[in-house]
């Protein structure tokens, strides 16, 4: 509500969920295509993919190395 007591007509009623919106995307054909923009997008996707693969590999190898460290330390304490 505003200072004058009127509600904002763009906001709608309070505590009401908004209606679903349907978004439509239409392409614009350009001759020739913007190769610089396309190449940057492909490079960005490839970099994200490589980073995700590296994180997945790191997540898989990190628990194995920590369990191996605890196994060797427990053996050392048993032998002593």
PDB file of N, CA and C in Angstrom:
ATOM      1  N   UNK A   1       0.848  -1.167   0.000  1.00  0.00           N
ATOM      2  CA  UNK A   1       0.000   0.000   0.000  1.00  0.00           C
ATOM      3  C   UNK A   1       0.895   1.232   0.000  1.00  0.00           C
ATOM      4  N   UNK A   2       0.455   2.255  -0.659  1.00  0.00           N
ATOM      5  CA  UNK A   2       1.243   3.471  -0.751  1.00  0.00           C
ATOM      6  C   UNK A   2       0.930   4.394   0.416  1.00  0.00           C
ATOM      7  N   UNK A   3       1.564   5.535   0.441  1.00  0.00           N
ATOM      8  CA  UNK A   3       1.326   6.514   1.504  1.00  0.00           C
ATOM      9  C   UNK A   3      -0.100   7.041   1.465  1.00  0.00           C
ATOM     10  N   UNK A   4      -0.706   7.038   0.296  1.00  0.00           N
ATOM     11  CA  UNK A   4      -2.066   7.557   0.160  1.00  0.00           C
ATOM     12  C   UNK A   4      -3.119   6.497   0.436  1.00  0.00           C
ATOM     13  N   UNK A   5      -2.709   5.260   0.678  1.00  0.00           N
ATOM     14  CA  UNK A   5      -3.667   4.211   0.997  1.00  0.00           C
ATOM     15  C   UNK A   5      -4.124   3.405  -0.198  1.00  0.00           C
ATOM     16  N   UNK A   6      -3.617   3.740  -1.382  1.00  0.00           N
ATOM     17  CA  UNK A   6      -4.018   2.999  -2.570  1.00  0.00           C
ATOM     18  C   UNK A   6      -3.062   1.836  -2.805  1.00  0.00           C
ATOM     19  N   UNK A   7      -3.600   0.735  -3.294  1.00  0.00           N
ATOM     20  CA  UNK A   7      -2.749  -0.409  -3.605  1.00  0.00           C
ATOM     21  C   UNK A   7      -2.163  -0.243  -5.000  1.00  0.00           C
ATOM     22  N   UNK A   8      -1.076  -0.901  -5.228  1.00  0.00           N
ATOM     23  CA  UNK A   8      -0.419  -0.859  -6.525  1.00  0.00           C
ATOM     24  C   UNK A   8      -1.162  -1.811  -7.458  1.00  0.00           C
ATOM     25  N   UNK A   9      -1.718  -1.301  -8.518  1.00  0.00           N
ATOM     26  CA  UNK A   9      -2.503  -2.132  -9.432  1.00  0.00           C
ATOM     27  C   UNK A   9      -1.633  -3.156 -10.149  1.00  0.00           C
ATOM     28  N   UNK A  10      -0.330  -2.889 -10.266  1.00  0.00           N
ATOM     29  CA  UNK A  10       0.559  -3.829 -10.945  1.00  0.00           C
ATOM     30  C   UNK A  10       0.914  -5.017 -10.061  1.00  0.00           C
ATOM     31  N   UNK A  11       0.856  -4.854  -8.750  1.00  0.00           N
ATOM     32  CA  UNK A  11       1.239  -5.918  -7.840  1.00  0.00           C
ATOM     33  C   UNK A  11       0.126  -6.944  -7.682  1.00  0.00           C
ATOM     34  N   UNK A  12      -1.092  -6.537  -7.747  1.00  0.00           N
ATOM     35  CA  UNK A  12      -2.200  -7.461  -7.561  1.00  0.00           C
ATOM     36  C   UNK A  12      -2.553  -7.581  -6.090  1.00  0.00           C
ATOM     37  N   UNK A  13      -3.482  -8.445  -5.797  1.00  0.00           N
ATOM     38  CA  UNK A  13      -3.923  -8.625  -4.419  1.00  0.00           C
ATOM     39  C   UNK A  13      -2.842  -9.339  -3.617  1.00  0.00           C
ATOM     40  N   UNK A  14      -2.784  -9.031  -2.346  1.00  0.00           N
ATOM     41  CA  UNK A  14      -1.793  -9.669  -1.472  1.00  0.00           C
ATOM     42  C   UNK A  14      -2.201 -11.103  -1.178  1.00  0.00           C
ATOM     43  N   UNK A  15      -1.220 -11.930  -0.912  1.00  0.00           N
ATOM     44  CA  UNK A  15      -1.411 -13.337  -0.561  1.00  0.00           C
ATOM     45  C   UNK A  15      -2.064 -14.153  -1.667  1.00  0.00           C
ATOM     46  N   UNK A  16      -2.047 -13.676  -2.864  1.00  0.00           N
ATOM     47  CA  UNK A  16      -2.557 -14.446  -3.997  1.00  0.00           C
ATOM     48  C   UNK A  16      -1.378 -14.874  -4.855  1.00  0.00           C
ATOM     49  N   UNK A  17      -1.400 -16.122  -5.247  1.00  0.00           N
ATOM     50  CA  UNK A  17      -0.328 -16.575  -6.123  1.00  0.00           C
ATOM     51  C   UNK A  17      -0.568 -16.020  -7.525  1.00  0.00           C
ATOM     52  N   UNK A  18       0.515 -15.715  -8.179  1.00  0.00           N
ATOM     53  CA  UNK A  18       0.394 -15.147  -9.520  1.00  0.00           C
ATOM     54  C   UNK A  18       0.083 -16.244 -10.520  1.00  0.00           C
ATOM     55  N   UNK A  19      -0.593 -15.865 -11.561  1.00  0.00           N
ATOM     56  CA  UNK A  19      -0.919 -16.817 -12.618  1.00  0.00           C
ATOM     57  C   UNK A  19       0.354 -17.210 -13.354  1.00  0.00           C
ATOM     58  N   UNK A  20       0.358 -18.404 -13.910  1.00  0.00           N
ATOM     59  CA  UNK A  20       1.521 -18.864 -14.658  1.00  0.00           C
ATOM     60  C   UNK A  20       1.679 -18.037 -15.923  1.00  0.00           C
ATOM     61  N   UNK A  21       2.916 -17.803 -16.274  1.00  0.00           N
ATOM     62  CA  UNK A  21       3.195 -17.064 -17.496  1.00  0.00           C
ATOM     63  C   UNK A  21       3.739 -18.025 -18.533  1.00  0.00           C
ATOM     64  N   UNK A  22       3.325 -17.835 -19.742  1.00  0.00           N
ATOM     65  CA  UNK A  22       3.811 -18.646 -20.849  1.00  0.00           C
ATOM     66  C   UNK A  22       4.779 -17.791 -21.653  1.00  0.00           C
ATOM     67  N   UNK A  23       6.014 -18.226 -21.686  1.00  0.00           N
ATOM     68  CA  UNK A  23       7.051 -17.473 -22.381  1.00  0.00           C
ATOM     69  C   UNK A  23       7.253 -18.082 -23.762  1.00  0.00           C
ATOM     70  N   UNK A  24       7.249 -17.233 -24.760  1.00  0.00           N
ATOM     71  CA  UNK A  24       7.439 -17.669 -26.137  1.00  0.00           C
ATOM     72  C   UNK A  24       8.727 -17.039 -26.653  1.00  0.00           C
ATOM     73  N   UNK A  25       9.584 -17.869 -27.232  1.00  0.00           N
ATOM     74  CA  UNK A  25      10.843 -17.386 -27.789  1.00  0.00           C
ATOM     75  C   UNK A  25      10.817 -17.609 -29.286  1.00  0.00           C
ATOM     76  N   UNK A  26      11.058 -16.557 -30.017  1.00  0.00           N
ATOM     77  CA  UNK A  26      11.094 -16.661 -31.467  1.00  0.00           C
ATOM     78  C   UNK A  26      12.479 -16.262 -31.943  1.00  0.00           C
ATOM     79  N   UNK A  27      12.972 -16.991 -32.896  1.00  0.00           N
ATOM     80  CA  UNK A  27      14.310 -16.707 -33.402  1.00  0.00           C
ATOM     81  C   UNK A  27      14.255 -15.665 -34.508  1.00  0.00           C
ATOM     82  N   UNK A  28      15.358 -14.986 -34.654  1.00  0.00           N
ATOM     83  CA  UNK A  28      15.505 -14.020 -35.741  1.00  0.00           C
ATOM     84  C   UNK A  28      16.617 -14.535 -36.631  1.00  0.00           C
ATOM     85  N   UNK A  29      16.292 -14.771 -37.868  1.00  0.00           N
ATOM     86  CA  UNK A  29      17.295 -15.290 -38.798  1.00  0.00           C
ATOM     87  C   UNK A  29      18.202 -14.154 -39.244  1.00  0.00           C
ATOM     88  N   UNK A  30      19.483 -14.379 -39.080  1.00  0.00           N
ATOM     89  CA  UNK A  30      20.465 -13.389 -39.511  1.00  0.00           C
ATOM     90  C   UNK A  30      21.426 -14.055 -40.477  1.00  0.00           C
ATOM     91  N   UNK A  31      21.682 -13.410 -41.575  1.00  0.00           N
ATOM     92  CA  UNK A  31      22.643 -13.918 -42.549  1.00  0.00           C
ATOM     93  C   UNK A  31      23.837 -13.001 -42.587  1.00  0.00           C
ATOM     94  N   UNK A  32      25.010 -13.420 -42.394  1.00  0.00           N
ATOM     95  CA  UNK A  32      25.462 -14.703 -41.849  1.00  0.00           C
ATOM     96  C   UNK A  32      25.316 -14.719 -40.325  1.00  0.00           C
ATOM     97  N   UNK A  33      25.355 -15.885 -39.698  1.00  0.00           N
ATOM     98  CA  UNK A  33      25.245 -15.951 -38.240  1.00  0.00           C
ATOM     99  C   UNK A  33      26.465 -15.309 -37.572  1.00  0.00           C
ATOM    100  N   UNK A  34      26.269 -14.826 -36.363  1.00  0.00           N
ATOM    101  CA  UNK A  34      27.346 -14.187 -35.612  1.00  0.00           C
ATOM    102  C   UNK A  34      28.276 -15.271 -35.072  1.00  0.00           C
ATOM    103  N   UNK A  35      29.319 -15.575 -35.822  1.00  0.00           N
ATOM    104  CA  UNK A  35      30.224 -16.670 -35.459  1.00  0.00           C
ATOM    105  C   UNK A  35      31.007 -16.374 -34.188  1.00  0.00           C
ATOM    106  N   UNK A  36      31.322 -15.129 -33.943  1.00  0.00           N
ATOM    107  CA  UNK A  36      32.061 -14.794 -32.725  1.00  0.00           C
ATOM    108  C   UNK A  36      31.223 -15.097 -31.486  1.00  0.00           C
ATOM    109  N   UNK A  37      29.964 -14.705 -31.523  1.00  0.00           N
ATOM    110  CA  UNK A  37      29.082 -14.962 -30.389  1.00  0.00           C
ATOM    111  C   UNK A  37      28.852 -16.462 -30.205  1.00  0.00           C
ATOM    112  N   UNK A  38      28.656 -17.172 -31.306  1.00  0.00           N
ATOM    113  CA  UNK A  38      28.470 -18.624 -31.227  1.00  0.00           C
ATOM    114  C   UNK A  38      29.714 -19.318 -30.683  1.00  0.00           C
ATOM    115  N   UNK A  39      30.888 -18.899 -31.145  1.00  0.00           N
ATOM    116  CA  UNK A  39      32.119 -19.543 -30.678  1.00  0.00           C
ATOM    117  C   UNK A  39      32.355 -19.269 -29.207  1.00  0.00           C
ATOM    118  N   UNK A  40      32.055 -18.072 -28.740  1.00  0.00           N
ATOM    119  CA  UNK A  40      32.194 -17.772 -27.311  1.00  0.00           C
ATOM    120  C   UNK A  40      31.247 -18.622 -26.475  1.00  0.00           C
ATOM    121  N   UNK A  41      30.040 -18.824 -26.962  1.00  0.00           N
ATOM    122  CA  UNK A  41      29.081 -19.656 -26.232  1.00  0.00           C
ATOM    123  C   UNK A  41      29.553 -21.103 -26.166  1.00  0.00           C
ATOM    124  N   UNK A  42      30.081 -21.617 -27.263  1.00  0.00           N
ATOM    125  CA  UNK A  42      30.572 -23.003 -27.286  1.00  0.00           C
ATOM    126  C   UNK A  42      31.774 -23.158 -26.362  1.00  0.00           C
ATOM    127  N   UNK A  43      32.673 -22.185 -26.368  1.00  0.00           N
ATOM    128  CA  UNK A  43      33.846 -22.246 -25.486  1.00  0.00           C
ATOM    129  C   UNK A  43      33.420 -22.193 -24.026  1.00  0.00           C
ATOM    130  N   UNK A  44      32.466 -21.330 -23.700  1.00  0.00           N
ATOM    131  CA  UNK A  44      31.991 -21.230 -22.319  1.00  0.00           C
ATOM    132  C   UNK A  44      31.355 -22.537 -21.864  1.00  0.00           C
ATOM    133  N   UNK A  45      30.567 -23.167 -22.738  1.00  0.00           N
ATOM    134  CA  UNK A  45      29.954 -24.454 -22.382  1.00  0.00           C
ATOM    135  C   UNK A  45      31.013 -25.521 -22.187  1.00  0.00           C
ATOM    136  N   UNK A  46      32.033 -25.531 -23.038  1.00  0.00           N
ATOM    137  CA  UNK A  46      33.105 -26.527 -22.915  1.00  0.00           C
ATOM    138  C   UNK A  46      33.883 -26.330 -21.623  1.00  0.00           C
ATOM    139  N   UNK A  47      34.170 -25.084 -21.266  1.00  0.00           N
ATOM    140  CA  UNK A  47      34.887 -24.820 -20.016  1.00  0.00           C
ATOM    141  C   UNK A  47      34.077 -25.258 -18.805  1.00  0.00           C
ATOM    142  N   UNK A  48      32.770 -24.979 -18.809  1.00  0.00           N
ATOM    143  CA  UNK A  48      31.916 -25.421 -17.699  1.00  0.00           C
ATOM    144  C   UNK A  48      31.885 -26.935 -17.604  1.00  0.00           C
ATOM    145  N   UNK A  49      31.859 -27.595 -18.753  1.00  0.00           N
ATOM    146  CA  UNK A  49      31.838 -29.057 -18.770  1.00  0.00           C
ATOM    147  C   UNK A  49      33.139 -29.626 -18.207  1.00  0.00           C
ATOM    148  N   UNK A  50      34.266 -29.041 -18.597  1.00  0.00           N
ATOM    149  CA  UNK A  50      35.565 -29.507 -18.098  1.00  0.00           C
ATOM    150  C   UNK A  50      35.671 -29.275 -16.593  1.00  0.00           C
ATOM    151  N   UNK A  51      35.207 -28.119 -16.117  1.00  0.00           N
ATOM    152  CA  UNK A  51      35.248 -27.840 -14.682  1.00  0.00           C
ATOM    153  C   UNK A  51      34.374 -28.820 -13.909  1.00  0.00           C
ATOM    154  N   UNK A  52      33.207 -29.133 -14.439  1.00  0.00           N
ATOM    155  CA  UNK A  52      32.314 -30.079 -13.763  1.00  0.00           C
ATOM    156  C   UNK A  52      32.934 -31.468 -13.716  1.00  0.00           C
ATOM    157  N   UNK A  53      33.583 -31.873 -14.802  1.00  0.00           N
ATOM    158  CA  UNK A  53      34.246 -33.181 -14.818  1.00  0.00           C
ATOM    159  C   UNK A  53      35.403 -33.217 -13.832  1.00  0.00           C
ATOM    160  N   UNK A  54      36.163 -32.126 -13.735  1.00  0.00           N
ATOM    161  CA  UNK A  54      37.285 -32.072 -12.798  1.00  0.00           C
ATOM    162  C   UNK A  54      36.788 -32.133 -11.356  1.00  0.00           C
ATOM    163  N   UNK A  55      35.692 -31.429 -11.063  1.00  0.00           N
ATOM    164  CA  UNK A  55      35.122 -31.473  -9.717  1.00  0.00           C
ATOM    165  C   UNK A  55      34.608 -32.868  -9.388  1.00  0.00           C
ATOM    166  N   UNK A  56      34.016 -33.530 -10.370  1.00  0.00           N
ATOM    167  CA  UNK A  56      33.513 -34.884 -10.138  1.00  0.00           C
ATOM    168  C   UNK A  56      34.670 -35.840  -9.873  1.00  0.00           C
ATOM    169  N   UNK A  57      35.747 -35.711 -10.651  1.00  0.00           N
ATOM    170  CA  UNK A  57      36.928 -36.563 -10.422  1.00  0.00           C
ATOM    171  C   UNK A  57      37.534 -36.291  -9.054  1.00  0.00           C
ATOM    172  N   UNK A  58      37.603 -35.020  -8.686  1.00  0.00           N
ATOM    173  CA  UNK A  58      38.175 -34.648  -7.397  1.00  0.00           C
ATOM    174  C   UNK A  58      37.320 -35.171  -6.246  1.00  0.00           C
ATOM    175  N   UNK A  59      36.011 -35.123  -6.422  1.00  0.00           N
ATOM    176  CA  UNK A  59      35.111 -35.629  -5.383  1.00  0.00           C
ATOM    177  C   UNK A  59      35.241 -37.139  -5.241  1.00  0.00           C
ATOM    178  N   UNK A  60      35.494 -37.832  -6.345  1.00  0.00           N
ATOM    179  CA  UNK A  60      35.649 -39.285  -6.277  1.00  0.00           C
ATOM    180  C   UNK A  60      36.985 -39.684  -5.670  1.00  0.00           C
ATOM    181  N   UNK A  61      38.041 -38.943  -5.959  1.00  0.00           N
ATOM    182  CA  UNK A  61      39.363 -39.314  -5.454  1.00  0.00           C
ATOM    183  C   UNK A  61      39.607 -38.821  -4.038  1.00  0.00           C
ATOM    184  N   UNK A  62      38.994 -37.752  -3.612  1.00  0.00           N
ATOM    185  CA  UNK A  62      39.236 -37.199  -2.280  1.00  0.00           C
ATOM    186  C   UNK A  62      38.811 -38.161  -1.167  1.00  0.00           C
ATOM    187  N   UNK A  63      37.627 -38.762  -1.184  1.00  0.00           N
ATOM    188  CA  UNK A  63      37.270 -39.687  -0.105  1.00  0.00           C
ATOM    189  C   UNK A  63      38.147 -40.933  -0.090  1.00  0.00           C
ATOM    190  N   UNK A  64      38.582 -41.415  -1.250  1.00  0.00           N
ATOM    191  CA  UNK A  64      39.431 -42.602  -1.295  1.00  0.00           C
ATOM    192  C   UNK A  64      40.772 -42.341  -0.634  1.00  0.00           C
ATOM    193  N   UNK A  65      41.370 -41.186  -0.894  1.00  0.00           N
ATOM    194  CA  UNK A  65      42.679 -40.893  -0.319  1.00  0.00           C
ATOM    195  C   UNK A  65      42.576 -40.684   1.183  1.00  0.00           C
ATOM    196  N   UNK A  66      41.495 -40.090   1.681  1.00  0.00           N
ATOM    197  CA  UNK A  66      41.356 -39.882   3.120  1.00  0.00           C
ATOM    198  C   UNK A  66      41.112 -41.201   3.837  1.00  0.00           C
ATOM    199  N   UNK A  67      40.363 -42.121   3.225  1.00  0.00           N
ATOM    200  CA  UNK A  67      40.143 -43.418   3.856  1.00  0.00           C
ATOM    201  C   UNK A  67      41.423 -44.232   3.850  1.00  0.00           C
ATOM    202  N   UNK A  68      42.264 -44.066   2.828  1.00  0.00           N
ATOM    203  CA  UNK A  68      43.542 -44.770   2.780  1.00  0.00           C
ATOM    204  C   UNK A  68      44.471 -44.236   3.861  1.00  0.00           C
ATOM    205  N   UNK A  69      44.427 -42.928   4.106  1.00  0.00           N
ATOM    206  CA  UNK A  69      45.259 -42.349   5.153  1.00  0.00           C
ATOM    207  C   UNK A  69      44.841 -42.863   6.520  1.00  0.00           C
ATOM    208  N   UNK A  70      43.547 -42.948   6.770  1.00  0.00           N
ATOM    209  CA  UNK A  70      43.086 -43.434   8.065  1.00  0.00           C
ATOM    210  C   UNK A  70      43.387 -44.912   8.224  1.00  0.00           C
ATOM    211  N   UNK A  71      43.363 -45.662   7.129  1.00  0.00           N
ATOM    212  CA  UNK A  71      43.671 -47.084   7.207  1.00  0.00           C
ATOM    213  C   UNK A  71      45.134 -47.290   7.563  1.00  0.00           C
ATOM    214  N   UNK A  72      46.031 -46.507   7.001  1.00  0.00           N
ATOM    215  CA  UNK A  72      47.453 -46.668   7.311  1.00  0.00           C
ATOM    216  C   UNK A  72      47.745 -46.207   8.728  1.00  0.00           C
ATOM    217  N   UNK A  73      47.086 -45.163   9.192  1.00  0.00           N
ATOM    218  CA  UNK A  73      47.342 -44.713  10.558  1.00  0.00           C
ATOM    219  C   UNK A  73      46.797 -45.708  11.560  1.00  0.00           C
ATOM    220  N   UNK A  74      45.661 -46.337  11.257  1.00  0.00           N
ATOM    221  CA  UNK A  74      45.132 -47.328  12.186  1.00  0.00           C
ATOM    222  C   UNK A  74      46.027 -48.557  12.227  1.00  0.00           C
ATOM    223  N   UNK A  75      46.641 -48.930  11.103  1.00  0.00           N
ATOM    224  CA  UNK A  75      47.581 -50.050  11.091  1.00  0.00           C
ATOM    225  C   UNK A  75      48.811 -49.712  11.920  1.00  0.00           C
ATOM    226  N   UNK A  76      49.275 -48.457  11.803  1.00  0.00           N
ATOM    227  CA  UNK A  76      50.450 -48.054  12.569  1.00  0.00           C
ATOM    228  C   UNK A  76      50.173 -48.126  14.065  1.00  0.00           C
ATOM    229  N   UNK A  77      48.989 -47.737  14.477  1.00  0.00           N
ATOM    230  CA  UNK A  77      48.690 -47.772  15.906  1.00  0.00           C
ATOM    231  C   UNK A  77      48.512 -49.195  16.394  1.00  0.00           C
ATOM    232  N   UNK A  78      48.034 -50.092  15.550  1.00  0.00           N
ATOM    233  CA  UNK A  78      47.863 -51.489  15.946  1.00  0.00           C
ATOM    234  C   UNK A  78      49.223 -52.164  16.077  1.00  0.00           C
ATOM    235  N   UNK A  79      50.144 -51.871  15.174  1.00  0.00           N
ATOM    236  CA  UNK A  79      51.458 -52.500  15.205  1.00  0.00           C
ATOM    237  C   UNK A  79      52.274 -52.047  16.403  1.00  0.00           C
ATOM    238  N   UNK A  80      52.066 -50.849  16.868  1.00  0.00           N
ATOM    239  CA  UNK A  80      52.885 -50.317  17.965  1.00  0.00           C
ATOM    240  C   UNK A  80      52.437 -50.882  19.236  1.00  0.00           C
TER     241      UNK A  80
END
